[in-house]
Amino acid sequence: MSKKLSFFDRLAGNILPNEEEEESRDLPIKMEGNGKNGAKGEWGEEEEEEGQLAVDVYQTPSEIVIEAMIAGVRPDNLNVSITRDMVTIRGKRQEVNTVENENYFHKELYWGAFSRSIVLPHEIDIENAEASEKHGLLTIKLPKTDKSRQTKLKVRSS
């Protein structure tokens, strides 16, 4: 019987020795959310590993607010797409390798592509949505309304 990987193990791409290798040899790896984690695509090609971005989503009387830690991601490596009922955040965290892998004692930070899609509980006004970043915290403010258009947001750094 094999041990199930925790959320953080799946996010980091960790696998258990022997047990996971034997069980998943012929099966594509599936990850909850948007993560692909090295799975084979529709045509058998290797897809890029993708982590799932952690988010907080809350509402005020007039807007829905989404917050996510994106430390280490430049605003031009971030893409926020919104529709009236969904937000998708995609990005890539570039690793600067100044240390050889054999010199690490412990390595947990996630580097590479990530994404997260959030289905919104209310329709929003996409024309007046705002995204900002401060000290590695992405904040997206989405005014509640009943619009049906789609747009892309540019993330500004403060």
C-alpha atoms as a PDB file:
ATOM      1  CA  MET A   1       0.000   0.000   0.000  1.00  0.00           C
ATOM      2  CA  SER A   2       1.459   3.367  -0.954  1.00  0.00           C
ATOM      3  CA  LYS A   3       1.325   6.638   0.973  1.00  0.00           C
ATOM      4  CA  LYS A   4      -0.644   9.431  -0.700  1.00  0.00           C
ATOM      5  CA  LEU A   5       1.439  12.540  -1.466  1.00  0.00           C
ATOM      6  CA  SER A   6       0.525  15.698   0.440  1.00  0.00           C
ATOM      7  CA  PHE A   7      -0.508  18.881  -1.353  1.00  0.00           C
ATOM      8  CA  PHE A   8       2.959  20.355  -0.778  1.00  0.00           C
ATOM      9  CA  ASP A   9       4.695  17.217  -2.106  1.00  0.00           C
ATOM     10  CA  ARG A  10       2.572  17.379  -5.283  1.00  0.00           C
ATOM     11  CA  LEU A  11       3.227  21.133  -5.616  1.00  0.00           C
ATOM     12  CA  ALA A  12       6.976  20.595  -5.279  1.00  0.00           C
ATOM     13  CA  GLY A  13       6.932  17.587  -7.617  1.00  0.00           C
ATOM     14  CA  ASN A  14       8.203  15.179  -4.942  1.00  0.00           C
ATOM     15  CA  ILE A  15       7.661  11.436  -5.413  1.00  0.00           C
ATOM     16  CA  LEU A  16       8.130   8.547  -3.041  1.00  0.00           C
ATOM     17  CA  PRO A  17      10.969   6.173  -3.991  1.00  0.00           C
ATOM     18  CA  ASN A  18      10.021   2.786  -5.462  1.00  0.00           C
ATOM     19  CA  GLU A  19       6.328   2.828  -4.463  1.00  0.00           C
ATOM     20  CA  GLU A  20       5.286   5.731  -6.693  1.00  0.00           C
ATOM     21  CA  GLU A  21       7.618   4.724  -9.516  1.00  0.00           C
ATOM     22  CA  GLU A  22       6.061   1.254  -9.753  1.00  0.00           C
ATOM     23  CA  GLU A  23       2.449   2.434  -9.469  1.00  0.00           C
ATOM     24  CA  SER A  24       2.676   5.388 -11.846  1.00  0.00           C
ATOM     25  CA  ARG A  25       4.989   3.936 -14.489  1.00  0.00           C
ATOM     26  CA  ASP A  26       2.220   3.654 -17.107  1.00  0.00           C
ATOM     27  CA  LEU A  27      -0.264   6.173 -15.696  1.00  0.00           C
ATOM     28  CA  PRO A  28      -0.235   9.932 -16.273  1.00  0.00           C
ATOM     29  CA  ILE A  29       0.143  11.875 -13.046  1.00  0.00           C
ATOM     30  CA  LYS A  30      -2.904  13.978 -12.187  1.00  0.00           C
ATOM     31  CA  MET A  31      -2.853  16.920  -9.844  1.00  0.00           C
ATOM     32  CA  GLU A  32      -5.846  18.625  -8.261  1.00  0.00           C
ATOM     33  CA  GLY A  33      -6.498  22.084  -9.679  1.00  0.00           C
ATOM     34  CA  ASN A  34      -4.586  23.240 -12.735  1.00  0.00           C
ATOM     35  CA  GLY A  35      -1.272  21.497 -12.106  1.00  0.00           C
ATOM     36  CA  LYS A  36      -0.047  19.185 -14.872  1.00  0.00           C
ATOM     37  CA  ASN A  37       2.970  17.749 -13.029  1.00  0.00           C
ATOM     38  CA  GLY A  38       4.635  16.112 -16.026  1.00  0.00           C
ATOM     39  CA  ALA A  39       1.544  14.377 -17.390  1.00  0.00           C
ATOM     40  CA  LYS A  40       1.325  13.316 -21.026  1.00  0.00           C
ATOM     41  CA  GLY A  41      -0.781  15.584 -23.194  1.00  0.00           C
ATOM     42  CA  GLU A  42      -3.572  14.571 -25.560  1.00  0.00           C
ATOM     43  CA  TRP A  43      -1.059  13.644 -28.276  1.00  0.00           C
ATOM     44  CA  GLY A  44       1.426  11.927 -25.950  1.00  0.00           C
ATOM     45  CA  GLU A  45       3.848  14.879 -25.708  1.00  0.00           C
ATOM     46  CA  GLU A  46       5.326  15.855 -22.345  1.00  0.00           C
ATOM     47  CA  GLU A  47       3.557  18.894 -20.901  1.00  0.00           C
ATOM     48  CA  GLU A  48       5.393  21.467 -18.805  1.00  0.00           C
ATOM     49  CA  GLU A  49       5.048  20.937 -15.065  1.00  0.00           C
ATOM     50  CA  GLU A  50       2.769  23.553 -13.554  1.00  0.00           C
ATOM     51  CA  GLY A  51       2.134  24.363  -9.899  1.00  0.00           C
ATOM     52  CA  GLN A  52      -1.099  25.631  -8.418  1.00  0.00           C
ATOM     53  CA  LEU A  53      -1.063  29.152  -6.997  1.00  0.00           C
ATOM     54  CA  ALA A  54      -2.460  29.543  -3.455  1.00  0.00           C
ATOM     55  CA  VAL A  55      -5.062  32.301  -3.155  1.00  0.00           C
ATOM     56  CA  ASP A  56      -7.371  34.012  -0.662  1.00  0.00           C
ATOM     57  CA  VAL A  57     -10.741  35.145  -2.058  1.00  0.00           C
ATOM     58  CA  TYR A  58     -13.151  37.316  -0.074  1.00  0.00           C
ATOM     59  CA  GLN A  59     -15.881  39.873  -0.685  1.00  0.00           C
ATOM     60  CA  THR A  60     -16.845  43.290   0.550  1.00  0.00           C
ATOM     61  CA  PRO A  61     -20.293  44.765  -0.091  1.00  0.00           C
ATOM     62  CA  SER A  62     -19.112  46.211  -3.433  1.00  0.00           C
ATOM     63  CA  GLU A  63     -16.300  43.958  -4.689  1.00  0.00           C
ATOM     64  CA  ILE A  64     -14.604  40.566  -4.726  1.00  0.00           C
ATOM     65  CA  VAL A  65     -10.946  40.583  -3.715  1.00  0.00           C
ATOM     66  CA  ILE A  66      -8.352  37.954  -4.646  1.00  0.00           C
ATOM     67  CA  GLU A  67      -4.933  37.887  -2.969  1.00  0.00           C
ATOM     68  CA  ALA A  68      -1.969  35.666  -3.877  1.00  0.00           C
ATOM     69  CA  MET A  69       1.695  35.579  -2.895  1.00  0.00           C
ATOM     70  CA  ILE A  70       3.748  35.978  -6.069  1.00  0.00           C
ATOM     71  CA  ALA A  71       7.139  36.845  -4.575  1.00  0.00           C
ATOM     72  CA  GLY A  72       9.916  36.422  -7.118  1.00  0.00           C
ATOM     73  CA  VAL A  73       7.624  36.903 -10.134  1.00  0.00           C
ATOM     74  CA  ARG A  74       8.152  39.946 -12.334  1.00  0.00           C
ATOM     75  CA  PRO A  75       4.906  41.646 -13.424  1.00  0.00           C
ATOM     76  CA  ASP A  76       5.736  40.941 -17.101  1.00  0.00           C
ATOM     77  CA  ASN A  77       5.829  37.192 -16.228  1.00  0.00           C
ATOM     78  CA  LEU A  78       2.280  37.398 -14.861  1.00  0.00           C
ATOM     79  CA  ASN A  79      -0.960  37.125 -16.812  1.00  0.00           C
ATOM     80  CA  VAL A  80      -4.356  37.855 -15.228  1.00  0.00           C
ATOM     81  CA  SER A  81      -7.383  37.065 -17.400  1.00  0.00           C
ATOM     82  CA  ILE A  82     -10.902  37.843 -16.251  1.00  0.00           C
ATOM     83  CA  THR A  83     -14.423  37.194 -17.463  1.00  0.00           C
ATOM     84  CA  ARG A  84     -17.629  38.170 -15.731  1.00  0.00           C
ATOM     85  CA  ASP A  85     -17.558  34.985 -13.634  1.00  0.00           C
ATOM     86  CA  MET A  86     -13.950  33.682 -13.599  1.00  0.00           C
ATOM     87  CA  VAL A  87     -10.371  34.855 -12.987  1.00  0.00           C
ATOM     88  CA  THR A  88      -7.293  32.978 -14.201  1.00  0.00           C
ATOM     89  CA  ILE A  89      -3.837  33.882 -12.903  1.00  0.00           C
ATOM     90  CA  ARG A  90      -0.829  32.438 -14.752  1.00  0.00           C
ATOM     91  CA  GLY A  91       2.815  33.138 -14.204  1.00  0.00           C
ATOM     92  CA  LYS A  92       6.329  31.818 -14.055  1.00  0.00           C
ATOM     93  CA  ARG A  93       8.860  32.100 -11.255  1.00  0.00           C
ATOM     94  CA  GLN A  94      12.404  32.043 -12.681  1.00  0.00           C
ATOM     95  CA  GLU A  95      15.053  30.246 -10.617  1.00  0.00           C
ATOM     96  CA  VAL A  96      18.474  31.855 -10.462  1.00  0.00           C
ATOM     97  CA  ASN A  97      20.797  28.891  -9.879  1.00  0.00           C
ATOM     98  CA  THR A  98      23.907  30.154  -8.139  1.00  0.00           C
ATOM     99  CA  VAL A  99      24.328  26.981  -6.050  1.00  0.00           C
ATOM    100  CA  GLU A 100      24.963  23.487  -7.391  1.00  0.00           C
ATOM    101  CA  ASN A 101      22.174  20.983  -6.610  1.00  0.00           C
ATOM    102  CA  GLU A 102      24.512  18.693  -4.640  1.00  0.00           C
ATOM    103  CA  ASN A 103      25.218  21.569  -2.194  1.00  0.00           C
ATOM    104  CA  TYR A 104      21.579  21.897  -1.067  1.00  0.00           C
ATOM    105  CA  PHE A 105      20.585  20.388   2.290  1.00  0.00           C
ATOM    106  CA  HIS A 106      16.884  21.097   1.743  1.00  0.00           C
ATOM    107  CA  LYS A 107      15.044  22.512  -1.268  1.00  0.00           C
ATOM    108  CA  GLU A 108      11.314  23.355  -1.070  1.00  0.00           C
ATOM    109  CA  LEU A 109      10.741  26.565  -3.026  1.00  0.00           C
ATOM    110  CA  TYR A 110       8.620  26.147  -6.148  1.00  0.00           C
ATOM    111  CA  TRP A 111      10.178  27.444  -9.379  1.00  0.00           C
ATOM    112  CA  GLY A 112       8.510  27.364 -12.773  1.00  0.00           C
ATOM    113  CA  ALA A 113       5.051  27.886 -14.237  1.00  0.00           C
ATOM    114  CA  PHE A 114       1.963  28.162 -12.047  1.00  0.00           C
ATOM    115  CA  SER A 115      -1.688  28.989 -12.533  1.00  0.00           C
ATOM    116  CA  ARG A 116      -4.994  29.206 -10.767  1.00  0.00           C
ATOM    117  CA  SER A 117      -8.547  29.650 -12.031  1.00  0.00           C
ATOM    118  CA  ILE A 118     -11.158  30.954  -9.620  1.00  0.00           C
ATOM    119  CA  VAL A 119     -14.880  30.735 -10.334  1.00  0.00           C
ATOM    120  CA  LEU A 120     -16.456  33.866  -8.906  1.00  0.00           C
ATOM    121  CA  PRO A 121     -19.642  33.786  -6.784  1.00  0.00           C
ATOM    122  CA  HIS A 122     -20.939  37.038  -8.387  1.00  0.00           C
ATOM    123  CA  GLU A 123     -20.664  38.605 -11.824  1.00  0.00           C
ATOM    124  CA  ILE A 124     -18.134  41.437 -11.954  1.00  0.00           C
ATOM    125  CA  ASP A 125     -17.494  44.649 -13.873  1.00  0.00           C
ATOM    126  CA  ILE A 126     -14.418  43.692 -15.913  1.00  0.00           C
ATOM    127  CA  GLU A 127     -13.865  47.257 -17.163  1.00  0.00           C
ATOM    128  CA  ASN A 128     -13.190  48.580 -13.643  1.00  0.00           C
ATOM    129  CA  ALA A 129     -11.171  45.655 -12.266  1.00  0.00           C
ATOM    130  CA  GLU A 130      -7.748  46.462 -10.800  1.00  0.00           C
ATOM    131  CA  ALA A 131      -4.627  44.394 -10.122  1.00  0.00           C
ATOM    132  CA  SER A 132      -1.661  45.583  -8.078  1.00  0.00           C
ATOM    133  CA  GLU A 133       1.418  44.058  -6.457  1.00  0.00           C
ATOM    134  CA  LYS A 134       3.163  45.204  -3.294  1.00  0.00           C
ATOM    135  CA  HIS A 135       5.919  43.323  -1.455  1.00  0.00           C
ATOM    136  CA  GLY A 136       5.125  40.104  -3.358  1.00  0.00           C
ATOM    137  CA  LEU A 137       1.368  40.183  -2.650  1.00  0.00           C
ATOM    138  CA  LEU A 138      -0.869  40.337  -5.742  1.00  0.00           C
ATOM    139  CA  THR A 139      -4.221  41.990  -5.002  1.00  0.00           C
ATOM    140  CA  ILE A 140      -7.021  41.879  -7.569  1.00  0.00           C
ATOM    141  CA  LYS A 141     -10.124  43.996  -6.890  1.00  0.00           C
ATOM    142  CA  LEU A 142     -13.206  43.093  -8.903  1.00  0.00           C
ATOM    143  CA  PRO A 143     -16.269  45.370  -8.621  1.00  0.00           C
ATOM    144  CA  LYS A 144     -19.507  43.374  -8.493  1.00  0.00           C
ATOM    145  CA  THR A 145     -21.900  43.930 -11.417  1.00  0.00           C
ATOM    146  CA  ASP A 146     -23.587  42.182 -14.347  1.00  0.00           C
ATOM    147  CA  LYS A 147     -21.194  42.606 -17.329  1.00  0.00           C
ATOM    148  CA  SER A 148     -20.526  39.999 -20.031  1.00  0.00           C
ATOM    149  CA  ARG A 149     -17.251  41.126 -21.668  1.00  0.00           C
ATOM    150  CA  GLN A 150     -13.686  39.817 -21.162  1.00  0.00           C
ATOM    151  CA  THR A 151     -10.399  41.706 -20.813  1.00  0.00           C
ATOM    152  CA  LYS A 152      -6.762  41.252 -19.735  1.00  0.00           C
ATOM    153  CA  LEU A 153      -5.262  43.082 -16.766  1.00  0.00           C
ATOM    154  CA  LYS A 154      -1.747  44.502 -16.603  1.00  0.00           C
ATOM    155  CA  VAL A 155      -0.198  44.088 -13.146  1.00  0.00           C
ATOM    156  CA  ARG A 156       1.529  47.199 -11.897  1.00  0.00           C
ATOM    157  CA  SER A 157       4.255  47.158  -9.281  1.00  0.00           C
ATOM    158  CA  SER A 158       4.238  49.645  -6.433  1.00  0.00           C
END
